[in-house]
Amino acid sequence: MIATTLPARPEFIETTCPNDALVLIDWDNVAAAGLAGVRRALHSIARRHRIVSIRAYGEWTMHHRLGQELARLGSQLIHIPSNLRGKNSADMQLTVDALCTTFACPTIKTIGLLSGDRDFAPLIRELRKRGCATLGFGCNDSSSQQLRDMCDEFEYLASQKKTNSMVTTASGTATT
């Protein structure tokens, strides 16, 4: 039997605004920037967008204290158990969540991705096809050029050893 009514939409859809943003954190990829780097990225996004969801992907039993701090910042911790961790375990879950969320919540038009991993280039391409603005954040020494070029904006997160940051847009302009 086919249902004759559509399922109810999530409640927060009714309270969204045009600059709603989803923030996705690939912790293993931005760990060098530390919690301070994550905070800087969140502040950068929050200056122009209303963050409606933050999700951080990692092995949170190994990083318990850090996970608690991210949770205090409003992040939902997505645990990737060490026995399931492979090169792309967290990447695949993050990608599925990004696509499902933008499909289920069409008012989310900005995606903040804290990762410099080039494996996310197809995700960025698809999100842009769906009309989403993409804001990338990654560590200076490990961010893929391909990912930096594909994002609408890309900001380097200074590693804990470095103090300056740089913003690069898809057009290739840079400022410090």
C-alpha atoms as a PDB file:
ATOM      1  CA  MET A   1       0.000   0.000   0.000  1.00  0.00           C
ATOM      2  CA  ILE A   2       1.303   3.450  -0.909  1.00  0.00           C
ATOM      3  CA  ALA A   3       1.073   6.187   1.692  1.00  0.00           C
ATOM      4  CA  THR A   4      -1.167   9.052   0.624  1.00  0.00           C
ATOM      5  CA  THR A   5       0.483  11.698   2.790  1.00  0.00           C
ATOM      6  CA  LEU A   6       4.066  12.856   2.970  1.00  0.00           C
ATOM      7  CA  PRO A   7       5.973  12.347   6.224  1.00  0.00           C
ATOM      8  CA  ALA A   8       6.199  15.374   8.472  1.00  0.00           C
ATOM      9  CA  ARG A   9       9.161  17.652   7.834  1.00  0.00           C
ATOM     10  CA  PRO A  10      11.632  18.264  10.654  1.00  0.00           C
ATOM     11  CA  GLU A  11      10.389  20.933  13.065  1.00  0.00           C
ATOM     12  CA  PHE A  12      13.368  23.241  12.631  1.00  0.00           C
ATOM     13  CA  ILE A  13      12.509  23.748   8.931  1.00  0.00           C
ATOM     14  CA  GLU A  14       9.791  26.186   9.926  1.00  0.00           C
ATOM     15  CA  THR A  15      12.287  28.421  11.743  1.00  0.00           C
ATOM     16  CA  THR A  16      15.024  28.513   9.135  1.00  0.00           C
ATOM     17  CA  CYS A  17      16.371  31.564   7.373  1.00  0.00           C
ATOM     18  CA  PRO A  18      18.081  32.046   4.003  1.00  0.00           C
ATOM     19  CA  ASN A  19      21.593  31.913   5.460  1.00  0.00           C
ATOM     20  CA  ASP A  20      21.258  28.616   7.308  1.00  0.00           C
ATOM     21  CA  ALA A  21      24.499  26.654   7.447  1.00  0.00           C
ATOM     22  CA  LEU A  22      25.456  23.075   8.183  1.00  0.00           C
ATOM     23  CA  VAL A  23      28.990  22.591   9.539  1.00  0.00           C
ATOM     24  CA  LEU A  24      30.762  19.252   9.093  1.00  0.00           C
ATOM     25  CA  ILE A  25      34.055  18.544  10.878  1.00  0.00           C
ATOM     26  CA  ASP A  26      36.427  15.787   9.776  1.00  0.00           C
ATOM     27  CA  TRP A  27      38.384  15.776  13.042  1.00  0.00           C
ATOM     28  CA  ASP A  28      41.225  13.512  11.908  1.00  0.00           C
ATOM     29  CA  ASN A  29      41.935  15.954   9.097  1.00  0.00           C
ATOM     30  CA  VAL A  30      41.904  19.184  11.139  1.00  0.00           C
ATOM     31  CA  ALA A  31      43.263  17.908  14.463  1.00  0.00           C
ATOM     32  CA  ALA A  32      46.517  19.843  13.913  1.00  0.00           C
ATOM     33  CA  ALA A  33      44.525  23.099  14.172  1.00  0.00           C
ATOM     34  CA  GLY A  34      43.140  22.004  17.530  1.00  0.00           C
ATOM     35  CA  LEU A  35      39.989  23.201  19.209  1.00  0.00           C
ATOM     36  CA  ALA A  36      41.106  26.815  18.712  1.00  0.00           C
ATOM     37  CA  GLY A  37      41.097  26.292  14.935  1.00  0.00           C
ATOM     38  CA  VAL A  38      37.598  24.808  15.054  1.00  0.00           C
ATOM     39  CA  ARG A  39      36.393  27.780  17.109  1.00  0.00           C
ATOM     40  CA  ARG A  40      37.887  30.231  14.590  1.00  0.00           C
ATOM     41  CA  ALA A  41      36.153  28.428  11.727  1.00  0.00           C
ATOM     42  CA  LEU A  42      32.809  28.429  13.561  1.00  0.00           C
ATOM     43  CA  HIS A  43      33.140  32.155  14.294  1.00  0.00           C
ATOM     44  CA  SER A  44      34.001  32.826  10.663  1.00  0.00           C
ATOM     45  CA  ILE A  45      30.869  30.990   9.502  1.00  0.00           C
ATOM     46  CA  ALA A  46      28.641  32.496  12.215  1.00  0.00           C
ATOM     47  CA  ARG A  47      29.570  36.055  11.171  1.00  0.00           C
ATOM     48  CA  ARG A  48      27.559  35.596   7.960  1.00  0.00           C
ATOM     49  CA  HIS A  49      25.323  32.578   8.519  1.00  0.00           C
ATOM     50  CA  ARG A  50      23.092  31.023  11.127  1.00  0.00           C
ATOM     51  CA  ILE A  51      24.602  27.667  12.029  1.00  0.00           C
ATOM     52  CA  VAL A  52      21.735  25.215  12.443  1.00  0.00           C
ATOM     53  CA  SER A  53      23.783  22.051  12.867  1.00  0.00           C
ATOM     54  CA  ILE A  54      27.385  21.131  13.634  1.00  0.00           C
ATOM     55  CA  ARG A  55      28.544  17.543  13.253  1.00  0.00           C
ATOM     56  CA  ALA A  56      32.011  16.307  14.165  1.00  0.00           C
ATOM     57  CA  TYR A  57      33.235  12.936  12.888  1.00  0.00           C
ATOM     58  CA  GLY A  58      35.940  11.014  14.718  1.00  0.00           C
ATOM     59  CA  GLU A  59      36.956   8.313  17.168  1.00  0.00           C
ATOM     60  CA  TRP A  60      35.566  10.009  20.269  1.00  0.00           C
ATOM     61  CA  THR A  61      36.574   7.336  22.794  1.00  0.00           C
ATOM     62  CA  MET A  62      40.222   8.200  22.015  1.00  0.00           C
ATOM     63  CA  HIS A  63      39.483  11.952  22.112  1.00  0.00           C
ATOM     64  CA  HIS A  64      36.942  11.969  24.947  1.00  0.00           C
ATOM     65  CA  ARG A  65      37.880  15.339  26.479  1.00  0.00           C
ATOM     66  CA  LEU A  66      38.035  17.016  23.074  1.00  0.00           C
ATOM     67  CA  GLY A  67      34.660  15.504  22.196  1.00  0.00           C
ATOM     68  CA  GLN A  68      33.196  17.042  25.342  1.00  0.00           C
ATOM     69  CA  GLU A  69      34.551  20.447  24.324  1.00  0.00           C
ATOM     70  CA  LEU A  70      33.111  20.128  20.818  1.00  0.00           C
ATOM     71  CA  ALA A  71      29.766  19.106  22.318  1.00  0.00           C
ATOM     72  CA  ARG A  72      29.854  22.274  24.478  1.00  0.00           C
ATOM     73  CA  LEU A  73      30.214  24.246  21.233  1.00  0.00           C
ATOM     74  CA  GLY A  74      26.957  22.655  20.044  1.00  0.00           C
ATOM     75  CA  SER A  75      28.443  19.871  17.956  1.00  0.00           C
ATOM     76  CA  GLN A  76      26.785  16.516  17.500  1.00  0.00           C
ATOM     77  CA  LEU A  77      29.542  13.921  17.813  1.00  0.00           C
ATOM     78  CA  ILE A  78      29.422  11.219  15.142  1.00  0.00           C
ATOM     79  CA  HIS A  79      31.497   8.354  16.502  1.00  0.00           C
ATOM     80  CA  ILE A  80      33.489   6.265  14.042  1.00  0.00           C
ATOM     81  CA  PRO A  81      34.648   3.240  16.081  1.00  0.00           C
ATOM     82  CA  SER A  82      38.286   2.257  15.674  1.00  0.00           C
ATOM     83  CA  ASN A  83      37.302  -1.224  14.435  1.00  0.00           C
ATOM     84  CA  LEU A  84      35.402   0.408  11.532  1.00  0.00           C
ATOM     85  CA  ARG A  85      37.988   3.050  10.805  1.00  0.00           C
ATOM     86  CA  GLY A  86      39.615   2.795   7.466  1.00  0.00           C
ATOM     87  CA  LYS A  87      40.902   5.497   5.217  1.00  0.00           C
ATOM     88  CA  ASN A  88      37.383   6.621   4.298  1.00  0.00           C
ATOM     89  CA  SER A  89      35.093   5.539   7.158  1.00  0.00           C
ATOM     90  CA  ALA A  90      34.418   9.032   8.496  1.00  0.00           C
ATOM     91  CA  ASP A  91      34.550  10.529   4.983  1.00  0.00           C
ATOM     92  CA  MET A  92      31.763   8.290   3.743  1.00  0.00           C
ATOM     93  CA  GLN A  93      29.518   9.010   6.745  1.00  0.00           C
ATOM     94  CA  LEU A  94      30.135  12.751   6.457  1.00  0.00           C
ATOM     95  CA  THR A  95      29.316  12.676   2.729  1.00  0.00           C
ATOM     96  CA  VAL A  96      26.081  10.734   3.229  1.00  0.00           C
ATOM     97  CA  ASP A  97      25.022  13.086   6.040  1.00  0.00           C
ATOM     98  CA  ALA A  98      25.755  16.185   3.939  1.00  0.00           C
ATOM     99  CA  LEU A  99      23.725  14.954   0.982  1.00  0.00           C
ATOM    100  CA  CYS A 100      20.818  13.649   3.080  1.00  0.00           C
ATOM    101  CA  THR A 101      20.632  16.853   5.121  1.00  0.00           C
ATOM    102  CA  THR A 102      20.637  19.156   2.108  1.00  0.00           C
ATOM    103  CA  PHE A 103      17.968  17.004   0.488  1.00  0.00           C
ATOM    104  CA  ALA A 104      15.763  16.855   3.609  1.00  0.00           C
ATOM    105  CA  CYS A 105      16.316  20.516   4.552  1.00  0.00           C
ATOM    106  CA  PRO A 106      16.386  22.561   1.344  1.00  0.00           C
ATOM    107  CA  THR A 107      16.743  25.830   3.258  1.00  0.00           C
ATOM    108  CA  ILE A 108      20.295  24.886   4.219  1.00  0.00           C
ATOM    109  CA  LYS A 109      22.209  26.606   1.449  1.00  0.00           C
ATOM    110  CA  THR A 110      25.660  26.890   3.023  1.00  0.00           C
ATOM    111  CA  ILE A 111      27.939  24.024   3.967  1.00  0.00           C
ATOM    112  CA  GLY A 112      31.026  24.596   6.080  1.00  0.00           C
ATOM    113  CA  LEU A 113      33.491  21.718   5.686  1.00  0.00           C
ATOM    114  CA  LEU A 114      36.403  21.516   8.096  1.00  0.00           C
ATOM    115  CA  SER A 115      38.738  19.229   6.177  1.00  0.00           C
ATOM    116  CA  GLY A 116      41.418  19.588   3.571  1.00  0.00           C
ATOM    117  CA  ASP A 117      40.912  16.076   2.214  1.00  0.00           C
ATOM    118  CA  ARG A 118      40.706  15.910  -1.594  1.00  0.00           C
ATOM    119  CA  ASP A 119      38.334  12.950  -1.267  1.00  0.00           C
ATOM    120  CA  PHE A 120      35.624  15.545  -0.562  1.00  0.00           C
ATOM    121  CA  ALA A 121      35.970  17.187  -3.996  1.00  0.00           C
ATOM    122  CA  PRO A 122      33.043  15.173  -5.480  1.00  0.00           C
ATOM    123  CA  LEU A 123      30.893  16.159  -2.481  1.00  0.00           C
ATOM    124  CA  ILE A 124      31.732  19.842  -2.983  1.00  0.00           C
ATOM    125  CA  ARG A 125      30.912  19.528  -6.699  1.00  0.00           C
ATOM    126  CA  GLU A 126      27.506  17.958  -5.920  1.00  0.00           C
ATOM    127  CA  LEU A 127      26.675  20.509  -3.229  1.00  0.00           C
ATOM    128  CA  ARG A 128      27.446  23.350  -5.613  1.00  0.00           C
ATOM    129  CA  LYS A 129      25.216  21.721  -8.265  1.00  0.00           C
ATOM    130  CA  ARG A 130      22.445  21.748  -5.649  1.00  0.00           C
ATOM    131  CA  GLY A 131      22.937  25.491  -5.188  1.00  0.00           C
ATOM    132  CA  CYS A 132      24.837  25.355  -1.904  1.00  0.00           C
ATOM    133  CA  ALA A 133      27.668  27.706  -1.066  1.00  0.00           C
ATOM    134  CA  THR A 134      30.705  25.778   0.133  1.00  0.00           C
ATOM    135  CA  LEU A 135      33.064  27.131   2.775  1.00  0.00           C
ATOM    136  CA  GLY A 136      36.186  25.032   3.256  1.00  0.00           C
ATOM    137  CA  PHE A 137      38.580  25.133   6.198  1.00  0.00           C
ATOM    138  CA  GLY A 138      41.770  23.096   6.385  1.00  0.00           C
ATOM    139  CA  CYS A 139      45.256  22.981   7.834  1.00  0.00           C
ATOM    140  CA  ASN A 140      47.994  24.851   5.988  1.00  0.00           C
ATOM    141  CA  ASP A 141      50.235  21.888   5.376  1.00  0.00           C
ATOM    142  CA  SER A 142      47.675  19.223   4.456  1.00  0.00           C
ATOM    143  CA  SER A 143      44.890  20.832   2.443  1.00  0.00           C
ATOM    144  CA  SER A 144      44.408  19.619  -1.104  1.00  0.00           C
ATOM    145  CA  GLN A 145      44.762  22.214  -3.846  1.00  0.00           C
ATOM    146  CA  GLN A 146      41.841  20.591  -5.685  1.00  0.00           C
ATOM    147  CA  LEU A 147      39.530  21.000  -2.679  1.00  0.00           C
ATOM    148  CA  ARG A 148      40.699  24.582  -2.083  1.00  0.00           C
ATOM    149  CA  ASP A 149      39.954  25.470  -5.713  1.00  0.00           C
ATOM    150  CA  MET A 150      36.504  23.861  -5.693  1.00  0.00           C
ATOM    151  CA  CYS A 151      35.152  25.562  -2.558  1.00  0.00           C
ATOM    152  CA  ASP A 152      33.505  28.955  -2.941  1.00  0.00           C
ATOM    153  CA  GLU A 153      35.761  30.119  -0.121  1.00  0.00           C
ATOM    154  CA  PHE A 154      38.618  28.388   1.656  1.00  0.00           C
ATOM    155  CA  GLU A 155      40.317  29.468   4.865  1.00  0.00           C
ATOM    156  CA  TYR A 156      43.458  27.971   6.269  1.00  0.00           C
ATOM    157  CA  LEU A 157      43.306  26.978   9.894  1.00  0.00           C
ATOM    158  CA  ALA A 158      46.645  27.777  11.438  1.00  0.00           C
ATOM    159  CA  SER A 159      48.148  24.740  13.075  1.00  0.00           C
ATOM    160  CA  GLN A 160      48.851  25.106  16.760  1.00  0.00           C
ATOM    161  CA  LYS A 161      52.454  25.938  15.827  1.00  0.00           C
ATOM    162  CA  LYS A 162      51.495  28.752  13.423  1.00  0.00           C
ATOM    163  CA  THR A 163      49.540  31.906  14.178  1.00  0.00           C
ATOM    164  CA  ASN A 164      48.533  33.420  10.825  1.00  0.00           C
ATOM    165  CA  SER A 165      45.735  32.324   8.535  1.00  0.00           C
ATOM    166  CA  MET A 166      44.940  32.898   4.886  1.00  0.00           C
ATOM    167  CA  VAL A 167      41.695  32.984   2.955  1.00  0.00           C
ATOM    168  CA  THR A 168      41.590  31.686  -0.610  1.00  0.00           C
ATOM    169  CA  THR A 169      38.547  31.775  -2.871  1.00  0.00           C
ATOM    170  CA  ALA A 170      37.762  29.573  -5.847  1.00  0.00           C
ATOM    171  CA  SER A 171      38.895  32.426  -8.103  1.00  0.00           C
ATOM    172  CA  GLY A 172      42.388  32.059  -6.642  1.00  0.00           C
ATOM    173  CA  THR A 173      42.585  35.371  -4.777  1.00  0.00           C
ATOM    174  CA  ALA A 174      44.242  35.298  -1.394  1.00  0.00           C
ATOM    175  CA  THR A 175      44.422  37.589   1.606  1.00  0.00           C
ATOM    176  CA  THR A 176      46.145  37.304   4.966  1.00  0.00           C
END
